[in-house]
Amino acid sequence: MDYQVQLNNGQAINLTNAEFDTSAFTATLNDQKINFVNIGGAIINKHIIVSVLPVEATQTETETQA
């Protein structure tokens, strides 16, 4: 599934075909001892994460015409 991680500085991280355990990720975000999380190979301060939203797959014109 594809996700978009919105940060409080206006940036977004797009994760393509991401497979992760949402329960473990939520537990990590809620753990006060942890300050940083690994998202798609990027180490992010968890306090700047605004949202993690699923993104619907979109087709390009080339895929539609094929």
PDB file of N, CA and C in Angstrom:
ATOM      1  N   MET A   1       0.839  -1.168   0.000  1.00  0.00           N
ATOM      2  CA  MET A   1       0.000   0.000   0.000  1.00  0.00           C
ATOM      3  C   MET A   1       0.890   1.239   0.000  1.00  0.00           C
ATOM      4  N   ASP A   2       0.420   2.303  -0.590  1.00  0.00           N
ATOM      5  CA  ASP A   2       1.152   3.565  -0.645  1.00  0.00           C
ATOM      6  C   ASP A   2       0.645   4.491   0.459  1.00  0.00           C
ATOM      7  N   TYR A   3       1.583   5.208   1.076  1.00  0.00           N
ATOM      8  CA  TYR A   3       1.243   6.142   2.146  1.00  0.00           C
ATOM      9  C   TYR A   3       1.927   7.478   1.899  1.00  0.00           C
ATOM     10  N   GLN A   4       1.365   8.530   2.471  1.00  0.00           N
ATOM     11  CA  GLN A   4       2.012   9.830   2.472  1.00  0.00           C
ATOM     12  C   GLN A   4       2.104  10.288   3.922  1.00  0.00           C
ATOM     13  N   VAL A   5       3.334  10.630   4.335  1.00  0.00           N
ATOM     14  CA  VAL A   5       3.579  11.108   5.685  1.00  0.00           C
ATOM     15  C   VAL A   5       3.703  12.626   5.604  1.00  0.00           C
ATOM     16  N   GLN A   6       2.791  13.339   6.243  1.00  0.00           N
ATOM     17  CA  GLN A   6       2.807  14.797   6.266  1.00  0.00           C
ATOM     18  C   GLN A   6       3.587  15.256   7.491  1.00  0.00           C
ATOM     19  N   LEU A   7       4.514  16.211   7.287  1.00  0.00           N
ATOM     20  CA  LEU A   7       5.305  16.744   8.384  1.00  0.00           C
ATOM     21  C   LEU A   7       4.863  18.171   8.691  1.00  0.00           C
ATOM     22  N   ASN A   8       5.134  18.631   9.912  1.00  0.00           N
ATOM     23  CA  ASN A   8       4.671  19.964  10.309  1.00  0.00           C
ATOM     24  C   ASN A   8       5.470  21.095   9.666  1.00  0.00           C
ATOM     25  N   ASN A   9       6.512  20.769   8.892  1.00  0.00           N
ATOM     26  CA  ASN A   9       7.278  21.797   8.188  1.00  0.00           C
ATOM     27  C   ASN A   9       6.820  21.936   6.729  1.00  0.00           C
ATOM     28  N   GLY A  10       5.706  21.299   6.383  1.00  0.00           N
ATOM     29  CA  GLY A  10       5.150  21.401   5.039  1.00  0.00           C
ATOM     30  C   GLY A  10       5.650  20.340   4.069  1.00  0.00           C
ATOM     31  N   GLN A  11       6.631  19.573   4.469  1.00  0.00           N
ATOM     32  CA  GLN A  11       7.144  18.519   3.594  1.00  0.00           C
ATOM     33  C   GLN A  11       6.298  17.265   3.721  1.00  0.00           C
ATOM     34  N   ALA A  12       6.418  16.408   2.706  1.00  0.00           N
ATOM     35  CA  ALA A  12       5.713  15.132   2.715  1.00  0.00           C
ATOM     36  C   ALA A  12       6.678  14.047   2.260  1.00  0.00           C
ATOM     37  N   ILE A  13       6.554  12.877   2.846  1.00  0.00           N
ATOM     38  CA  ILE A  13       7.340  11.713   2.445  1.00  0.00           C
ATOM     39  C   ILE A  13       6.359  10.727   1.844  1.00  0.00           C
ATOM     40  N   ASN A  14       6.605  10.317   0.603  1.00  0.00           N
ATOM     41  CA  ASN A  14       5.742   9.351  -0.064  1.00  0.00           C
ATOM     42  C   ASN A  14       6.367   7.965   0.051  1.00  0.00           C
ATOM     43  N   LEU A  15       5.593   7.015   0.539  1.00  0.00           N
ATOM     44  CA  LEU A  15       6.038   5.639   0.680  1.00  0.00           C
ATOM     45  C   LEU A  15       5.281   4.783  -0.326  1.00  0.00           C
ATOM     46  N   THR A  16       6.014   4.154  -1.217  1.00  0.00           N
ATOM     47  CA  THR A  16       5.407   3.327  -2.258  1.00  0.00           C
ATOM     48  C   THR A  16       5.546   1.856  -1.879  1.00  0.00           C
ATOM     49  N   ASN A  17       4.452   1.131  -1.950  1.00  0.00           N
ATOM     50  CA  ASN A  17       4.419  -0.293  -1.611  1.00  0.00           C
ATOM     51  C   ASN A  17       4.981  -0.562  -0.226  1.00  0.00           C
ATOM     52  N   ALA A  18       4.651   0.291   0.717  1.00  0.00           N
ATOM     53  CA  ALA A  18       5.155   0.155   2.086  1.00  0.00           C
ATOM     54  C   ALA A  18       4.403  -0.953   2.809  1.00  0.00           C
ATOM     55  N   GLU A  19       5.160  -1.770   3.484  1.00  0.00           N
ATOM     56  CA  GLU A  19       4.593  -2.838   4.303  1.00  0.00           C
ATOM     57  C   GLU A  19       5.111  -2.629   5.715  1.00  0.00           C
ATOM     58  N   PHE A  20       4.242  -2.250   6.631  1.00  0.00           N
ATOM     59  CA  PHE A  20       4.677  -2.136   8.016  1.00  0.00           C
ATOM     60  C   PHE A  20       3.529  -2.465   8.949  1.00  0.00           C
ATOM     61  N   ASP A  21       3.911  -2.859  10.143  1.00  0.00           N
ATOM     62  CA  ASP A  21       2.954  -3.246  11.169  1.00  0.00           C
ATOM     63  C   ASP A  21       2.423  -1.980  11.831  1.00  0.00           C
ATOM     64  N   THR A  22       1.174  -1.655  11.574  1.00  0.00           N
ATOM     65  CA  THR A  22       0.601  -0.409  12.092  1.00  0.00           C
ATOM     66  C   THR A  22       0.542  -0.400  13.616  1.00  0.00           C
ATOM     67  N   SER A  23       0.322  -1.543  14.226  1.00  0.00           N
ATOM     68  CA  SER A  23       0.274  -1.610  15.694  1.00  0.00           C
ATOM     69  C   SER A  23       1.643  -1.292  16.289  1.00  0.00           C
ATOM     70  N   ALA A  24       2.686  -1.874  15.713  1.00  0.00           N
ATOM     71  CA  ALA A  24       4.049  -1.617  16.199  1.00  0.00           C
ATOM     72  C   ALA A  24       4.452  -0.164  15.951  1.00  0.00           C
ATOM     73  N   PHE A  25       4.054   0.376  14.789  1.00  0.00           N
ATOM     74  CA  PHE A  25       4.371   1.766  14.462  1.00  0.00           C
ATOM     75  C   PHE A  25       3.669   2.715  15.436  1.00  0.00           C
ATOM     76  N   THR A  26       2.407   2.439  15.733  1.00  0.00           N
ATOM     77  CA  THR A  26       1.656   3.254  16.682  1.00  0.00           C
ATOM     78  C   THR A  26       2.284   3.181  18.071  1.00  0.00           C
ATOM     79  N   ALA A  27       2.685   1.986  18.484  1.00  0.00           N
ATOM     80  CA  ALA A  27       3.330   1.821  19.792  1.00  0.00           C
ATOM     81  C   ALA A  27       4.637   2.607  19.848  1.00  0.00           C
ATOM     82  N   THR A  28       5.395   2.623  18.746  1.00  0.00           N
ATOM     83  CA  THR A  28       6.642   3.383  18.681  1.00  0.00           C
ATOM     84  C   THR A  28       6.361   4.875  18.803  1.00  0.00           C
ATOM     85  N   LEU A  29       5.343   5.365  18.092  1.00  0.00           N
ATOM     86  CA  LEU A  29       5.008   6.786  18.162  1.00  0.00           C
ATOM     87  C   LEU A  29       4.545   7.186  19.562  1.00  0.00           C
ATOM     88  N   ASN A  30       3.902   6.284  20.273  1.00  0.00           N
ATOM     89  CA  ASN A  30       3.381   6.583  21.603  1.00  0.00           C
ATOM     90  C   ASN A  30       4.397   6.368  22.722  1.00  0.00           C
ATOM     91  N   ASP A  31       5.537   5.753  22.409  1.00  0.00           N
ATOM     92  CA  ASP A  31       6.567   5.484  23.410  1.00  0.00           C
ATOM     93  C   ASP A  31       7.354   6.767  23.689  1.00  0.00           C
ATOM     94  N   GLN A  32       7.278   7.269  24.923  1.00  0.00           N
ATOM     95  CA  GLN A  32       7.928   8.527  25.268  1.00  0.00           C
ATOM     96  C   GLN A  32       9.451   8.434  25.258  1.00  0.00           C
ATOM     97  N   LYS A  33       9.994   7.226  25.302  1.00  0.00           N
ATOM     98  CA  LYS A  33      11.449   7.047  25.308  1.00  0.00           C
ATOM     99  C   LYS A  33      12.050   7.161  23.907  1.00  0.00           C
ATOM    100  N   ILE A  34      11.216   7.071  22.876  1.00  0.00           N
ATOM    101  CA  ILE A  34      11.683   7.100  21.490  1.00  0.00           C
ATOM    102  C   ILE A  34      11.407   8.474  20.893  1.00  0.00           C
ATOM    103  N   ASN A  35      12.452   9.084  20.297  1.00  0.00           N
ATOM    104  CA  ASN A  35      12.303  10.402  19.683  1.00  0.00           C
ATOM    105  C   ASN A  35      12.282  10.352  18.162  1.00  0.00           C
ATOM    106  N   PHE A  36      12.905   9.326  17.564  1.00  0.00           N
ATOM    107  CA  PHE A  36      13.031   9.244  16.119  1.00  0.00           C
ATOM    108  C   PHE A  36      12.467   7.934  15.605  1.00  0.00           C
ATOM    109  N   VAL A  37      11.905   7.978  14.389  1.00  0.00           N
ATOM    110  CA  VAL A  37      11.396   6.775  13.739  1.00  0.00           C
ATOM    111  C   VAL A  37      11.990   6.682  12.334  1.00  0.00           C
ATOM    112  N   ASN A  38      12.091   5.473  11.841  1.00  0.00           N
ATOM    113  CA  ASN A  38      12.588   5.220  10.492  1.00  0.00           C
ATOM    114  C   ASN A  38      11.380   5.090   9.572  1.00  0.00           C
ATOM    115  N   ILE A  39      11.263   6.009   8.625  1.00  0.00           N
ATOM    116  CA  ILE A  39      10.159   5.967   7.663  1.00  0.00           C
ATOM    117  C   ILE A  39      10.758   5.926   6.271  1.00  0.00           C
ATOM    118  N   GLY A  40      10.641   4.784   5.627  1.00  0.00           N
ATOM    119  CA  GLY A  40      11.149   4.649   4.265  1.00  0.00           C
ATOM    120  C   GLY A  40      12.644   4.916   4.144  1.00  0.00           C
ATOM    121  N   GLY A  41      13.403   4.582   5.170  1.00  0.00           N
ATOM    122  CA  GLY A  41      14.842   4.797   5.142  1.00  0.00           C
ATOM    123  C   GLY A  41      15.263   6.166   5.640  1.00  0.00           C
ATOM    124  N   ALA A  42      14.305   7.030   5.934  1.00  0.00           N
ATOM    125  CA  ALA A  42      14.606   8.361   6.471  1.00  0.00           C
ATOM    126  C   ALA A  42      14.348   8.342   7.980  1.00  0.00           C
ATOM    127  N   ILE A  43      15.296   8.872   8.739  1.00  0.00           N
ATOM    128  CA  ILE A  43      15.128   8.964  10.181  1.00  0.00           C
ATOM    129  C   ILE A  43      14.460  10.310  10.485  1.00  0.00           C
ATOM    130  N   ILE A  44      13.268  10.254  11.080  1.00  0.00           N
ATOM    131  CA  ILE A  44      12.437  11.433  11.293  1.00  0.00           C
ATOM    132  C   ILE A  44      12.144  11.602  12.789  1.00  0.00           C
ATOM    133  N   ASN A  45      12.225  12.828  13.255  1.00  0.00           N
ATOM    134  CA  ASN A  45      11.790  13.132  14.619  1.00  0.00           C
ATOM    135  C   ASN A  45      10.276  12.903  14.657  1.00  0.00           C
ATOM    136  N   LYS A  46       9.837  12.015  15.523  1.00  0.00           N
ATOM    137  CA  LYS A  46       8.416  11.647  15.529  1.00  0.00           C
ATOM    138  C   LYS A  46       7.502  12.809  15.895  1.00  0.00           C
ATOM    139  N   HIS A  47       8.043  13.842  16.528  1.00  0.00           N
ATOM    140  CA  HIS A  47       7.221  14.965  16.949  1.00  0.00           C
ATOM    141  C   HIS A  47       6.861  15.911  15.806  1.00  0.00           C
ATOM    142  N   ILE A  48       7.472  15.735  14.624  1.00  0.00           N
ATOM    143  CA  ILE A  48       7.108  16.593  13.488  1.00  0.00           C
ATOM    144  C   ILE A  48       6.130  15.899  12.531  1.00  0.00           C
ATOM    145  N   ILE A  49       5.755  14.660  12.848  1.00  0.00           N
ATOM    146  CA  ILE A  49       4.801  13.936  12.012  1.00  0.00           C
ATOM    147  C   ILE A  49       3.390  14.436  12.323  1.00  0.00           C
ATOM    148  N   VAL A  50       2.713  14.921  11.297  1.00  0.00           N
ATOM    149  CA  VAL A  50       1.344  15.402  11.454  1.00  0.00           C
ATOM    150  C   VAL A  50       0.361  14.272  11.172  1.00  0.00           C
ATOM    151  N   SER A  51       0.605  13.519  10.096  1.00  0.00           N
ATOM    152  CA  SER A  51      -0.304  12.437   9.741  1.00  0.00           C
ATOM    153  C   SER A  51       0.382  11.423   8.839  1.00  0.00           C
ATOM    154  N   VAL A  52      -0.156  10.207   8.855  1.00  0.00           N
ATOM    155  CA  VAL A  52       0.250   9.146   7.941  1.00  0.00           C
ATOM    156  C   VAL A  52      -1.034   8.679   7.279  1.00  0.00           C
ATOM    157  N   LEU A  53      -1.147   8.975   5.977  1.00  0.00           N
ATOM    158  CA  LEU A  53      -2.398   8.699   5.275  1.00  0.00           C
ATOM    159  C   LEU A  53      -2.184   7.733   4.115  1.00  0.00           C
ATOM    160  N   PRO A  54      -3.108   6.796   3.913  1.00  0.00           N
ATOM    161  CA  PRO A  54      -3.015   5.950   2.727  1.00  0.00           C
ATOM    162  C   PRO A  54      -3.307   6.775   1.480  1.00  0.00           C
ATOM    163  N   VAL A  55      -2.609   6.450   0.401  1.00  0.00           N
ATOM    164  CA  VAL A  55      -2.782   7.166  -0.865  1.00  0.00           C
ATOM    165  C   VAL A  55      -3.315   6.182  -1.886  1.00  0.00           C
ATOM    166  N   GLU A  56      -4.380   6.575  -2.560  1.00  0.00           N
ATOM    167  CA  GLU A  56      -4.937   5.717  -3.597  1.00  0.00           C
ATOM    168  C   GLU A  56      -4.001   5.691  -4.788  1.00  0.00           C
ATOM    169  N   ALA A  57      -3.833   4.532  -5.370  1.00  0.00           N
ATOM    170  CA  ALA A  57      -3.001   4.409  -6.565  1.00  0.00           C
ATOM    171  C   ALA A  57      -3.688   5.136  -7.714  1.00  0.00           C
ATOM    172  N   THR A  58      -2.928   5.933  -8.431  1.00  0.00           N
ATOM    173  CA  THR A  58      -3.477   6.643  -9.581  1.00  0.00           C
ATOM    174  C   THR A  58      -2.823   6.132 -10.842  1.00  0.00           C
ATOM    175  N   GLN A  59      -3.575   6.102 -11.905  1.00  0.00           N
ATOM    176  CA  GLN A  59      -3.045   5.657 -13.187  1.00  0.00           C
ATOM    177  C   GLN A  59      -2.583   6.853 -13.995  1.00  0.00           C
ATOM    178  N   THR A  60      -1.485   6.657 -14.714  1.00  0.00           N
ATOM    179  CA  THR A  60      -1.021   7.711 -15.617  1.00  0.00           C
ATOM    180  C   THR A  60      -1.719   7.564 -16.947  1.00  0.00           C
ATOM    181  N   GLU A  61      -1.614   8.570 -17.807  1.00  0.00           N
ATOM    182  CA  GLU A  61      -2.256   8.491 -19.122  1.00  0.00           C
ATOM    183  C   GLU A  61      -1.715   7.331 -19.925  1.00  0.00           C
ATOM    184  N   THR A  62      -0.414   7.060 -19.791  1.00  0.00           N
ATOM    185  CA  THR A  62       0.199   5.965 -20.537  1.00  0.00           C
ATOM    186  C   THR A  62      -0.399   4.634 -20.127  1.00  0.00           C
ATOM    187  N   GLU A  63      -0.616   4.426 -18.825  1.00  0.00           N
ATOM    188  CA  GLU A  63      -1.208   3.174 -18.360  1.00  0.00           C
ATOM    189  C   GLU A  63      -2.648   3.053 -18.848  1.00  0.00           C
ATOM    190  N   THR A  64      -3.368   4.158 -18.895  1.00  0.00           N
ATOM    191  CA  THR A  64      -4.764   4.139 -19.303  1.00  0.00           C
ATOM    192  C   THR A  64      -4.900   3.819 -20.793  1.00  0.00           C
ATOM    193  N   GLN A  65      -3.975   4.335 -21.600  1.00  0.00           N
ATOM    194  CA  GLN A  65      -4.040   4.117 -23.034  1.00  0.00           C
ATOM    195  C   GLN A  65      -3.563   2.720 -23.441  1.00  0.00           C
ATOM    196  N   ALA A  66      -2.789   2.071 -22.606  1.00  0.00           N
ATOM    197  CA  ALA A  66      -2.214   0.754 -22.974  1.00  0.00           C
ATOM    198  C   ALA A  66      -3.226  -0.346 -23.011  1.00  0.00           C
TER     199      ALA A  66
END
